[in-house]
Amino acid sequence: MKQFQILNFKFQNAKCKMLNAKGKFLSYFLLFTFHLSFVTVVFASGGEGGKEPSLFMDYFWKILNFGILFFILYKFGKKPLQDFLRGRT
């Protein structure tokens, strides 16, 4: 008789399909739960990581990000938006 091993448990062929699906679900669930708890602990223990960036650099990066976003929206969204507005009238 064939035996299958899932998470160090051995199951017989008769119950194999149902237990295999439950075993996979359980292993994925445990992996996700462990990963989520580990990531939460890592982010929570960030602490004081050194000096703060200057106010100018913080403002500069926000303006640069907005400029890049605006350029992408203008470059790829201008024509579809014009076509949509022309088609409405």
C-alpha atoms as a PDB file:
ATOM      1  CA  MET A   1       0.000   0.000   0.000  1.00  0.00           C
ATOM      2  CA  LYS A   2       1.332   3.461  -0.945  1.00  0.00           C
ATOM      3  CA  GLN A   3       2.007   5.978   1.768  1.00  0.00           C
ATOM      4  CA  PHE A   4       2.336   9.738   1.446  1.00  0.00           C
ATOM      5  CA  GLN A   5       4.225  12.000   3.782  1.00  0.00           C
ATOM      6  CA  ILE A   6       2.993  15.537   4.455  1.00  0.00           C
ATOM      7  CA  LEU A   7       4.487  17.590   7.257  1.00  0.00           C
ATOM      8  CA  ASN A   8       6.027  14.445   8.778  1.00  0.00           C
ATOM      9  CA  PHE A   9       2.663  12.640   8.933  1.00  0.00           C
ATOM     10  CA  LYS A  10       2.028   9.433   6.991  1.00  0.00           C
ATOM     11  CA  PHE A  11      -1.406   8.832   5.459  1.00  0.00           C
ATOM     12  CA  GLN A  12      -2.847   5.787   3.712  1.00  0.00           C
ATOM     13  CA  ASN A  13      -4.181   5.917   0.126  1.00  0.00           C
ATOM     14  CA  ALA A  14      -7.879   5.897   1.106  1.00  0.00           C
ATOM     15  CA  LYS A  15      -7.777   9.306   2.785  1.00  0.00           C
ATOM     16  CA  CYS A  16      -4.894  10.675   0.756  1.00  0.00           C
ATOM     17  CA  LYS A  17      -6.621  13.275  -1.430  1.00  0.00           C
ATOM     18  CA  MET A  18      -8.550  14.968   1.354  1.00  0.00           C
ATOM     19  CA  LEU A  19      -5.633  14.969   3.772  1.00  0.00           C
ATOM     20  CA  ASN A  20      -3.195  16.096   1.085  1.00  0.00           C
ATOM     21  CA  ALA A  21      -5.280  19.205   0.405  1.00  0.00           C
ATOM     22  CA  LYS A  22      -5.681  19.902   4.116  1.00  0.00           C
ATOM     23  CA  GLY A  23      -1.965  19.374   4.649  1.00  0.00           C
ATOM     24  CA  LYS A  24      -1.035  21.798   1.888  1.00  0.00           C
ATOM     25  CA  PHE A  25      -3.468  24.378   3.224  1.00  0.00           C
ATOM     26  CA  LEU A  26      -2.124  23.937   6.737  1.00  0.00           C
ATOM     27  CA  SER A  27       1.488  24.227   5.620  1.00  0.00           C
ATOM     28  CA  TYR A  28       0.773  27.383   3.582  1.00  0.00           C
ATOM     29  CA  PHE A  29      -1.239  28.868   6.438  1.00  0.00           C
ATOM     30  CA  LEU A  30       1.542  28.208   8.947  1.00  0.00           C
ATOM     31  CA  LEU A  31       4.159  29.593   6.583  1.00  0.00           C
ATOM     32  CA  PHE A  32       2.103  32.761   5.991  1.00  0.00           C
ATOM     33  CA  THR A  33       1.433  33.216   9.715  1.00  0.00           C
ATOM     34  CA  PHE A  34       5.094  32.775  10.609  1.00  0.00           C
ATOM     35  CA  HIS A  35       6.164  35.153   7.848  1.00  0.00           C
ATOM     36  CA  LEU A  36       3.628  37.791   8.899  1.00  0.00           C
ATOM     37  CA  SER A  37       4.645  37.615  12.547  1.00  0.00           C
ATOM     38  CA  PHE A  38       8.347  37.769  11.668  1.00  0.00           C
ATOM     39  CA  VAL A  39       7.885  40.799   9.413  1.00  0.00           C
ATOM     40  CA  THR A  40       5.818  42.554  12.089  1.00  0.00           C
ATOM     41  CA  VAL A  41       8.553  42.062  14.668  1.00  0.00           C
ATOM     42  CA  VAL A  42      11.226  43.284  12.274  1.00  0.00           C
ATOM     43  CA  PHE A  43       9.339  46.462  11.414  1.00  0.00           C
ATOM     44  CA  ALA A  44       8.383  47.094  15.025  1.00  0.00           C
ATOM     45  CA  SER A  45      12.014  46.930  16.145  1.00  0.00           C
ATOM     46  CA  GLY A  46      13.185  49.568  13.672  1.00  0.00           C
ATOM     47  CA  GLY A  47      14.312  51.914  16.405  1.00  0.00           C
ATOM     48  CA  GLU A  48      16.114  55.195  15.937  1.00  0.00           C
ATOM     49  CA  GLY A  49      18.121  54.538  12.822  1.00  0.00           C
ATOM     50  CA  GLY A  50      20.590  57.405  12.821  1.00  0.00           C
ATOM     51  CA  LYS A  51      20.349  60.997  11.715  1.00  0.00           C
ATOM     52  CA  GLU A  52      17.211  62.397  10.156  1.00  0.00           C
ATOM     53  CA  PRO A  53      17.391  63.598   6.543  1.00  0.00           C
ATOM     54  CA  SER A  54      17.397  67.328   6.050  1.00  0.00           C
ATOM     55  CA  LEU A  55      14.122  69.105   5.431  1.00  0.00           C
ATOM     56  CA  PHE A  56      15.336  70.259   2.011  1.00  0.00           C
ATOM     57  CA  MET A  57      16.172  66.709   0.814  1.00  0.00           C
ATOM     58  CA  ASP A  58      12.850  65.400   2.090  1.00  0.00           C
ATOM     59  CA  TYR A  59      11.014  68.152   0.186  1.00  0.00           C
ATOM     60  CA  PHE A  60      13.207  67.612  -2.892  1.00  0.00           C
ATOM     61  CA  TRP A  61      12.372  63.877  -3.124  1.00  0.00           C
ATOM     62  CA  LYS A  62       8.637  64.584  -2.782  1.00  0.00           C
ATOM     63  CA  ILE A  63       8.782  67.138  -5.621  1.00  0.00           C
ATOM     64  CA  LEU A  64      10.846  64.767  -7.776  1.00  0.00           C
ATOM     65  CA  ASN A  65       8.379  61.893  -7.224  1.00  0.00           C
ATOM     66  CA  PHE A  66       5.432  64.138  -8.094  1.00  0.00           C
ATOM     67  CA  GLY A  67       7.237  65.357 -11.239  1.00  0.00           C
ATOM     68  CA  ILE A  68       7.912  61.799 -12.406  1.00  0.00           C
ATOM     69  CA  LEU A  69       4.300  60.775 -11.729  1.00  0.00           C
ATOM     70  CA  PHE A  70       2.957  63.834 -13.561  1.00  0.00           C
ATOM     71  CA  PHE A  71       5.254  63.188 -16.550  1.00  0.00           C
ATOM     72  CA  ILE A  72       4.158  59.536 -16.819  1.00  0.00           C
ATOM     73  CA  LEU A  73       0.472  60.457 -16.562  1.00  0.00           C
ATOM     74  CA  TYR A  74       0.876  63.235 -19.140  1.00  0.00           C
ATOM     75  CA  LYS A  75       2.915  61.090 -21.553  1.00  0.00           C
ATOM     76  CA  PHE A  76       0.664  58.031 -21.491  1.00  0.00           C
ATOM     77  CA  GLY A  77      -2.688  59.510 -20.455  1.00  0.00           C
ATOM     78  CA  LYS A  78      -3.086  62.615 -22.564  1.00  0.00           C
ATOM     79  CA  LYS A  79      -4.327  60.967 -25.761  1.00  0.00           C
ATOM     80  CA  PRO A  80      -6.727  58.452 -24.117  1.00  0.00           C
ATOM     81  CA  LEU A  81      -8.205  61.218 -21.965  1.00  0.00           C
ATOM     82  CA  GLN A  82      -8.669  63.493 -24.997  1.00  0.00           C
ATOM     83  CA  ASP A  83     -10.287  60.684 -26.983  1.00  0.00           C
ATOM     84  CA  PHE A  84     -12.625  59.906 -24.092  1.00  0.00           C
ATOM     85  CA  LEU A  85     -13.687  63.520 -23.672  1.00  0.00           C
ATOM     86  CA  ARG A  86     -14.193  63.993 -27.409  1.00  0.00           C
ATOM     87  CA  GLY A  87     -16.268  60.805 -27.594  1.00  0.00           C
ATOM     88  CA  ARG A  88     -18.608  61.977 -24.825  1.00  0.00           C
ATOM     89  CA  THR A  89     -19.859  65.011 -26.741  1.00  0.00           C
END
